[in-house]
N, C-alpha and C. Protein backbone atom coordinates (compact mmCIF):
# COMPACT_ATOMS: atom_id res chain seq x y z
N MET A 1 12.81 -22.19 -16.43
CA MET A 1 12.82 -21.41 -15.20
C MET A 1 11.48 -20.72 -15.04
N SER A 2 10.88 -20.88 -13.88
CA SER A 2 9.60 -20.21 -13.65
C SER A 2 9.86 -18.78 -13.24
N HIS A 3 8.93 -17.92 -13.60
CA HIS A 3 9.07 -16.53 -13.22
C HIS A 3 7.69 -15.94 -12.94
N THR A 4 7.68 -14.91 -12.13
CA THR A 4 6.42 -14.30 -11.74
C THR A 4 6.06 -13.11 -12.61
N VAL A 5 7.08 -12.43 -13.14
CA VAL A 5 6.84 -11.19 -13.87
C VAL A 5 7.53 -11.29 -15.24
N ASP A 6 6.81 -10.95 -16.29
CA ASP A 6 7.38 -10.98 -17.64
C ASP A 6 8.16 -9.70 -17.93
N ILE A 7 9.21 -9.85 -18.71
CA ILE A 7 9.98 -8.70 -19.19
C ILE A 7 9.75 -8.64 -20.69
N PRO A 8 8.93 -7.69 -21.16
CA PRO A 8 8.61 -7.62 -22.59
C PRO A 8 9.86 -7.34 -23.43
N GLN A 9 9.83 -7.78 -24.67
CA GLN A 9 10.97 -7.60 -25.56
C GLN A 9 11.33 -6.12 -25.73
N GLU A 10 10.33 -5.24 -25.78
CA GLU A 10 10.64 -3.81 -25.95
C GLU A 10 11.44 -3.27 -24.77
N LEU A 11 11.19 -3.78 -23.56
CA LEU A 11 11.98 -3.36 -22.40
C LEU A 11 13.39 -3.95 -22.49
N LYS A 12 13.50 -5.19 -22.93
CA LYS A 12 14.83 -5.79 -23.12
C LYS A 12 15.64 -4.98 -24.12
N ASN A 13 15.00 -4.54 -25.20
CA ASN A 13 15.68 -3.72 -26.21
C ASN A 13 16.11 -2.38 -25.62
N ALA A 14 15.23 -1.76 -24.83
CA ALA A 14 15.55 -0.47 -24.22
C ALA A 14 16.70 -0.62 -23.22
N LEU A 15 16.73 -1.71 -22.47
CA LEU A 15 17.82 -1.96 -21.53
C LEU A 15 19.15 -2.11 -22.28
N ARG A 16 19.11 -2.85 -23.37
CA ARG A 16 20.32 -3.06 -24.16
C ARG A 16 20.82 -1.73 -24.73
N LYS A 17 19.91 -0.93 -25.26
CA LYS A 17 20.28 0.37 -25.82
C LYS A 17 20.88 1.27 -24.73
N PHE A 18 20.26 1.26 -23.55
CA PHE A 18 20.77 2.07 -22.44
C PHE A 18 22.16 1.59 -22.02
N ARG A 19 22.32 0.29 -21.95
CA ARG A 19 23.58 -0.31 -21.52
C ARG A 19 24.75 0.09 -22.43
N PHE A 20 24.51 0.11 -23.72
CA PHE A 20 25.59 0.36 -24.67
C PHE A 20 25.69 1.80 -25.15
N ALA A 21 24.89 2.70 -24.59
CA ALA A 21 24.99 4.12 -24.97
C ALA A 21 26.34 4.67 -24.54
N ARG A 22 26.95 5.48 -25.39
CA ARG A 22 28.24 6.10 -25.07
C ARG A 22 27.99 7.36 -24.25
N ARG A 23 28.65 7.44 -23.13
CA ARG A 23 28.50 8.61 -22.28
C ARG A 23 29.88 9.17 -21.99
N ASN A 24 29.98 10.48 -21.93
CA ASN A 24 31.27 11.08 -21.57
C ASN A 24 31.13 12.15 -20.50
N ALA A 25 29.92 12.34 -20.00
CA ALA A 25 29.73 13.28 -18.89
C ALA A 25 28.39 13.00 -18.23
N GLY A 26 28.36 13.16 -16.91
CA GLY A 26 27.12 13.03 -16.16
C GLY A 26 26.64 11.60 -15.99
N SER A 27 25.63 11.45 -15.17
CA SER A 27 25.03 10.16 -14.91
C SER A 27 23.68 10.07 -15.60
N ALA A 28 23.35 8.89 -16.10
CA ALA A 28 22.06 8.66 -16.75
C ALA A 28 21.36 7.53 -16.01
N ALA A 29 20.03 7.56 -16.02
CA ALA A 29 19.28 6.53 -15.31
C ALA A 29 18.07 6.10 -16.12
N MET A 30 17.72 4.83 -15.93
CA MET A 30 16.50 4.27 -16.53
C MET A 30 15.73 3.61 -15.39
N VAL A 31 14.49 4.02 -15.19
CA VAL A 31 13.68 3.54 -14.08
C VAL A 31 12.64 2.55 -14.61
N VAL A 32 12.55 1.40 -13.93
CA VAL A 32 11.63 0.34 -14.34
C VAL A 32 10.77 -0.06 -13.15
N LYS A 33 9.47 -0.26 -13.43
CA LYS A 33 8.55 -0.69 -12.37
C LYS A 33 7.85 -1.96 -12.81
N ILE A 34 7.18 -2.60 -11.86
CA ILE A 34 6.35 -3.76 -12.16
C ILE A 34 4.90 -3.30 -12.20
N ASN A 35 4.23 -3.61 -13.30
CA ASN A 35 2.80 -3.36 -13.41
C ASN A 35 2.12 -4.55 -12.74
N LYS A 36 1.65 -4.35 -11.52
CA LYS A 36 1.14 -5.46 -10.72
C LYS A 36 -0.06 -6.18 -11.36
N PRO A 37 -1.07 -5.45 -11.86
CA PRO A 37 -2.21 -6.17 -12.45
C PRO A 37 -1.83 -7.02 -13.66
N LYS A 38 -0.91 -6.54 -14.49
CA LYS A 38 -0.51 -7.26 -15.70
C LYS A 38 0.66 -8.20 -15.48
N LEU A 39 1.37 -8.05 -14.36
CA LEU A 39 2.56 -8.84 -14.04
C LEU A 39 3.62 -8.75 -15.14
N ILE A 40 3.87 -7.50 -15.58
CA ILE A 40 4.95 -7.24 -16.52
C ILE A 40 5.76 -6.05 -16.03
N MET A 41 7.01 -5.99 -16.49
CA MET A 41 7.86 -4.84 -16.17
C MET A 41 7.67 -3.78 -17.24
N GLU A 42 7.72 -2.52 -16.80
CA GLU A 42 7.54 -1.39 -17.70
C GLU A 42 8.57 -0.32 -17.40
N GLU A 43 9.06 0.32 -18.46
CA GLU A 43 9.95 1.47 -18.27
C GLU A 43 9.10 2.65 -17.82
N VAL A 44 9.54 3.32 -16.76
CA VAL A 44 8.83 4.49 -16.27
C VAL A 44 9.37 5.74 -16.94
N GLU A 45 10.69 5.89 -16.90
CA GLU A 45 11.31 7.11 -17.42
C GLU A 45 12.81 6.91 -17.57
N GLN A 46 13.41 7.73 -18.44
CA GLN A 46 14.87 7.78 -18.55
C GLN A 46 15.31 9.21 -18.28
N PHE A 47 16.47 9.31 -17.66
CA PHE A 47 17.03 10.62 -17.34
C PHE A 47 18.46 10.68 -17.88
N ASP A 48 18.80 11.77 -18.53
CA ASP A 48 20.17 12.00 -18.98
C ASP A 48 20.76 13.12 -18.14
N ASP A 49 22.01 12.95 -17.76
CA ASP A 49 22.73 13.97 -17.00
C ASP A 49 21.94 14.41 -15.77
N ILE A 50 21.60 13.46 -14.92
CA ILE A 50 20.85 13.73 -13.70
C ILE A 50 21.75 13.52 -12.49
N SER A 51 21.61 14.39 -11.51
CA SER A 51 22.37 14.20 -10.27
C SER A 51 21.71 13.08 -9.46
N ILE A 52 22.49 12.46 -8.60
CA ILE A 52 21.95 11.37 -7.78
C ILE A 52 20.85 11.90 -6.86
N GLU A 53 21.05 13.08 -6.32
CA GLU A 53 20.05 13.66 -5.42
C GLU A 53 18.74 13.93 -6.17
N ASP A 54 18.83 14.43 -7.42
CA ASP A 54 17.62 14.65 -8.22
C ASP A 54 16.94 13.33 -8.56
N LEU A 55 17.74 12.31 -8.85
CA LEU A 55 17.18 10.99 -9.13
C LEU A 55 16.42 10.47 -7.91
N ALA A 56 17.01 10.63 -6.74
CA ALA A 56 16.36 10.17 -5.51
C ALA A 56 15.01 10.87 -5.31
N GLU A 57 14.94 12.14 -5.68
CA GLU A 57 13.68 12.89 -5.55
C GLU A 57 12.63 12.41 -6.56
N GLU A 58 13.07 11.89 -7.70
CA GLU A 58 12.15 11.42 -8.74
C GLU A 58 11.53 10.06 -8.39
N LEU A 59 12.20 9.30 -7.56
CA LEU A 59 11.72 7.95 -7.24
C LEU A 59 10.62 8.01 -6.18
N PRO A 60 9.62 7.13 -6.29
CA PRO A 60 8.49 7.16 -5.35
C PRO A 60 8.88 6.70 -3.95
N GLU A 61 8.27 7.31 -2.95
CA GLU A 61 8.58 6.95 -1.56
C GLU A 61 7.94 5.64 -1.14
N ASN A 62 6.86 5.24 -1.83
CA ASN A 62 6.10 4.07 -1.39
C ASN A 62 5.96 2.97 -2.44
N ALA A 63 6.90 2.93 -3.39
CA ALA A 63 6.83 1.90 -4.43
C ALA A 63 8.24 1.49 -4.84
N PRO A 64 8.46 0.18 -4.99
CA PRO A 64 9.79 -0.29 -5.39
C PRO A 64 10.06 -0.04 -6.87
N ARG A 65 11.33 0.12 -7.22
CA ARG A 65 11.75 0.32 -8.60
C ARG A 65 13.10 -0.34 -8.82
N TYR A 66 13.35 -0.73 -10.05
CA TYR A 66 14.69 -1.13 -10.47
C TYR A 66 15.24 0.07 -11.23
N VAL A 67 16.45 0.50 -10.92
CA VAL A 67 17.03 1.65 -11.59
C VAL A 67 18.37 1.23 -12.19
N MET A 68 18.47 1.36 -13.50
CA MET A 68 19.74 1.17 -14.17
C MET A 68 20.43 2.52 -14.16
N LEU A 69 21.66 2.55 -13.72
CA LEU A 69 22.37 3.81 -13.58
C LEU A 69 23.73 3.72 -14.27
N SER A 70 23.95 4.60 -15.24
CA SER A 70 25.27 4.76 -15.82
C SER A 70 25.86 5.93 -15.04
N TYR A 71 26.80 5.62 -14.16
CA TYR A 71 27.25 6.57 -13.15
C TYR A 71 28.62 7.14 -13.46
N GLU A 72 28.73 8.46 -13.42
CA GLU A 72 30.03 9.11 -13.63
C GLU A 72 30.82 9.01 -12.34
N LEU A 73 31.84 8.14 -12.37
CA LEU A 73 32.68 7.91 -11.18
C LEU A 73 34.03 8.57 -11.40
N ASN A 74 34.37 9.50 -10.52
CA ASN A 74 35.67 10.17 -10.58
C ASN A 74 36.61 9.45 -9.62
N HIS A 75 37.67 8.88 -10.18
CA HIS A 75 38.62 8.12 -9.38
C HIS A 75 39.63 9.07 -8.71
N ASP A 76 40.26 8.57 -7.66
CA ASP A 76 41.23 9.37 -6.90
C ASP A 76 42.43 9.80 -7.74
N ASP A 77 42.74 9.01 -8.79
CA ASP A 77 43.90 9.35 -9.62
C ASP A 77 43.52 10.26 -10.81
N GLY A 78 42.29 10.78 -10.81
CA GLY A 78 41.88 11.71 -11.84
C GLY A 78 41.14 11.08 -13.02
N ARG A 79 41.15 9.75 -13.10
CA ARG A 79 40.42 9.09 -14.19
C ARG A 79 38.91 9.21 -13.96
N LYS A 80 38.18 9.06 -15.05
CA LYS A 80 36.73 9.06 -15.01
C LYS A 80 36.26 7.75 -15.63
N SER A 81 35.29 7.09 -15.01
CA SER A 81 34.70 5.90 -15.62
C SER A 81 33.18 6.00 -15.48
N PHE A 82 32.49 5.15 -16.21
CA PHE A 82 31.03 5.15 -16.21
C PHE A 82 30.50 3.74 -15.96
N PRO A 83 30.66 3.24 -14.72
CA PRO A 83 30.18 1.89 -14.44
C PRO A 83 28.65 1.82 -14.53
N LEU A 84 28.16 0.66 -14.94
CA LEU A 84 26.73 0.41 -14.97
C LEU A 84 26.36 -0.22 -13.64
N VAL A 85 25.42 0.38 -12.97
CA VAL A 85 25.02 -0.04 -11.63
C VAL A 85 23.51 -0.25 -11.62
N MET A 86 23.06 -1.24 -10.88
CA MET A 86 21.63 -1.41 -10.68
C MET A 86 21.30 -1.00 -9.27
N ILE A 87 20.35 -0.09 -9.14
CA ILE A 87 19.88 0.30 -7.81
C ILE A 87 18.57 -0.43 -7.57
N ASN A 88 18.54 -1.17 -6.49
CA ASN A 88 17.31 -1.86 -6.08
C ASN A 88 16.61 -0.94 -5.09
N TRP A 89 15.70 -0.13 -5.59
CA TRP A 89 14.98 0.86 -4.80
C TRP A 89 13.79 0.15 -4.15
N ALA A 90 13.87 -0.10 -2.86
CA ALA A 90 12.81 -0.82 -2.16
C ALA A 90 12.59 -0.22 -0.78
N PRO A 91 12.00 0.99 -0.73
CA PRO A 91 11.79 1.65 0.57
C PRO A 91 10.94 0.79 1.51
N ILE A 92 11.28 0.84 2.79
CA ILE A 92 10.56 0.01 3.77
C ILE A 92 9.10 0.44 3.92
N SER A 93 8.74 1.61 3.41
CA SER A 93 7.36 2.08 3.51
C SER A 93 6.46 1.49 2.41
N CYS A 94 7.01 0.65 1.54
CA CYS A 94 6.23 0.05 0.45
C CYS A 94 5.22 -0.96 0.98
N GLU A 95 4.17 -1.15 0.22
CA GLU A 95 3.20 -2.19 0.51
C GLU A 95 3.90 -3.55 0.40
N MET A 96 3.65 -4.43 1.35
CA MET A 96 4.36 -5.71 1.44
C MET A 96 4.18 -6.57 0.18
N SER A 97 2.98 -6.59 -0.39
CA SER A 97 2.77 -7.43 -1.58
C SER A 97 3.59 -6.91 -2.77
N LEU A 98 3.76 -5.60 -2.88
CA LEU A 98 4.60 -5.02 -3.94
C LEU A 98 6.07 -5.37 -3.72
N LEU A 99 6.51 -5.27 -2.48
CA LEU A 99 7.91 -5.62 -2.16
C LEU A 99 8.19 -7.08 -2.46
N THR A 100 7.24 -7.95 -2.13
CA THR A 100 7.41 -9.38 -2.38
C THR A 100 7.50 -9.66 -3.87
N LEU A 101 6.61 -9.05 -4.65
CA LEU A 101 6.63 -9.21 -6.10
C LEU A 101 7.94 -8.68 -6.68
N HIS A 102 8.36 -7.52 -6.21
CA HIS A 102 9.61 -6.89 -6.64
C HIS A 102 10.80 -7.81 -6.35
N ALA A 103 10.84 -8.36 -5.15
CA ALA A 103 11.93 -9.25 -4.76
C ALA A 103 11.93 -10.53 -5.60
N SER A 104 10.75 -11.04 -5.92
CA SER A 104 10.67 -12.30 -6.68
C SER A 104 11.18 -12.13 -8.11
N ALA A 105 11.11 -10.92 -8.66
CA ALA A 105 11.53 -10.68 -10.04
C ALA A 105 12.94 -10.09 -10.12
N PHE A 106 13.55 -9.82 -8.98
CA PHE A 106 14.84 -9.13 -8.93
C PHE A 106 15.94 -9.85 -9.72
N LEU A 107 16.14 -11.13 -9.47
CA LEU A 107 17.22 -11.87 -10.12
C LEU A 107 17.03 -11.96 -11.63
N GLU A 108 15.79 -12.12 -12.07
CA GLU A 108 15.54 -12.19 -13.51
C GLU A 108 15.84 -10.83 -14.16
N PHE A 109 15.44 -9.74 -13.49
CA PHE A 109 15.74 -8.42 -14.04
C PHE A 109 17.25 -8.20 -14.09
N GLN A 110 17.94 -8.58 -13.01
CA GLN A 110 19.39 -8.41 -12.96
C GLN A 110 20.06 -9.18 -14.11
N ALA A 111 19.61 -10.40 -14.34
CA ALA A 111 20.19 -11.21 -15.42
C ALA A 111 19.88 -10.61 -16.79
N THR A 112 18.67 -10.13 -16.98
CA THR A 112 18.28 -9.52 -18.25
C THR A 112 19.07 -8.24 -18.50
N ALA A 113 19.25 -7.44 -17.46
CA ALA A 113 19.98 -6.18 -17.58
C ALA A 113 21.48 -6.43 -17.70
N ASP A 114 21.93 -7.61 -17.30
CA ASP A 114 23.34 -8.00 -17.38
C ASP A 114 24.23 -7.02 -16.62
N VAL A 115 23.91 -6.86 -15.34
CA VAL A 115 24.69 -5.95 -14.49
C VAL A 115 25.07 -6.68 -13.22
N SER A 116 26.30 -6.47 -12.77
CA SER A 116 26.78 -7.19 -11.59
C SER A 116 26.87 -6.30 -10.35
N LYS A 117 26.97 -5.00 -10.53
CA LYS A 117 27.07 -4.09 -9.37
C LYS A 117 25.66 -3.70 -8.93
N ILE A 118 25.32 -4.09 -7.70
CA ILE A 118 23.98 -3.83 -7.16
C ILE A 118 24.12 -2.96 -5.92
N ILE A 119 23.28 -1.95 -5.85
CA ILE A 119 23.21 -1.11 -4.65
C ILE A 119 21.78 -1.17 -4.14
N GLU A 120 21.64 -1.64 -2.90
CA GLU A 120 20.32 -1.71 -2.26
C GLU A 120 20.02 -0.39 -1.59
N VAL A 121 18.83 0.15 -1.81
CA VAL A 121 18.40 1.37 -1.12
C VAL A 121 17.05 1.08 -0.49
N ARG A 122 17.05 1.04 0.84
CA ARG A 122 15.82 0.73 1.57
C ARG A 122 15.31 1.93 2.37
N ASP A 123 16.16 2.93 2.57
CA ASP A 123 15.74 4.05 3.42
C ASP A 123 15.42 5.32 2.63
N GLY A 124 14.90 5.14 1.41
CA GLY A 124 14.42 6.28 0.63
C GLY A 124 15.52 7.21 0.17
N ALA A 125 15.13 8.45 -0.10
CA ALA A 125 16.04 9.44 -0.68
C ALA A 125 17.28 9.67 0.17
N GLU A 126 17.16 9.52 1.49
CA GLU A 126 18.33 9.73 2.37
C GLU A 126 19.42 8.70 2.09
N GLY A 127 19.04 7.52 1.59
CA GLY A 127 20.01 6.46 1.34
C GLY A 127 20.62 6.50 -0.05
N LEU A 128 20.08 7.35 -0.92
CA LEU A 128 20.58 7.43 -2.29
C LEU A 128 21.28 8.78 -2.47
N THR A 129 22.58 8.78 -2.21
CA THR A 129 23.38 10.00 -2.34
C THR A 129 24.63 9.69 -3.15
N LYS A 130 25.24 10.72 -3.68
CA LYS A 130 26.49 10.57 -4.43
C LYS A 130 27.55 9.95 -3.53
N GLU A 131 27.61 10.40 -2.28
CA GLU A 131 28.60 9.88 -1.34
C GLU A 131 28.41 8.38 -1.10
N ALA A 132 27.16 7.96 -0.95
CA ALA A 132 26.88 6.54 -0.70
C ALA A 132 27.27 5.68 -1.91
N ILE A 133 26.97 6.16 -3.11
CA ILE A 133 27.32 5.40 -4.32
C ILE A 133 28.83 5.37 -4.51
N ASP A 134 29.48 6.51 -4.34
CA ASP A 134 30.94 6.55 -4.45
C ASP A 134 31.58 5.55 -3.48
N ALA A 135 31.12 5.55 -2.24
CA ALA A 135 31.69 4.67 -1.23
C ALA A 135 31.51 3.20 -1.62
N LYS A 136 30.33 2.85 -2.11
CA LYS A 136 30.08 1.45 -2.48
C LYS A 136 30.90 1.04 -3.70
N LEU A 137 31.00 1.92 -4.69
CA LEU A 137 31.74 1.56 -5.90
C LEU A 137 33.23 1.54 -5.68
N LYS A 138 33.75 2.50 -4.93
CA LYS A 138 35.20 2.53 -4.68
C LYS A 138 35.60 1.46 -3.69
N GLY A 139 34.67 1.06 -2.83
CA GLY A 139 34.96 0.02 -1.85
C GLY A 139 35.01 -1.37 -2.45
N GLU A 140 34.43 -1.55 -3.64
CA GLU A 140 34.42 -2.87 -4.29
C GLU A 140 35.78 -3.24 -4.86
N ARG A 141 36.63 -2.28 -5.05
CA ARG A 141 37.91 -2.53 -5.72
C ARG A 141 38.91 -3.15 -4.81
């Protein structure tokens, strides 16, 4: 399979560790970007117990990111679960060449991260809210 962007083994290890971390409260996130000159993916930062609104403020307005999110979902029947969600952060204000590169590597990142729930966010921080994520996750059932 041909690919445009490499995913280094250290990032694969970090994704695996994030995926299998035990959580019992709050949402955690891992932010990954593409280093355009090197054509590799790099971890930008990890957040533990971060609100969705704070996460939205941490993400750049003019650059795409892949965000792995372990999300604290409160169900209507009182149960709590922590689904793993991938946020495809691709604001429309991004440079077109970055968006194209980001889109070309999306499926490979999704497969490497081994996540099936995807939430697209194209309208910046206004599109990344707790209400929007709750609606998308509860609507999938």
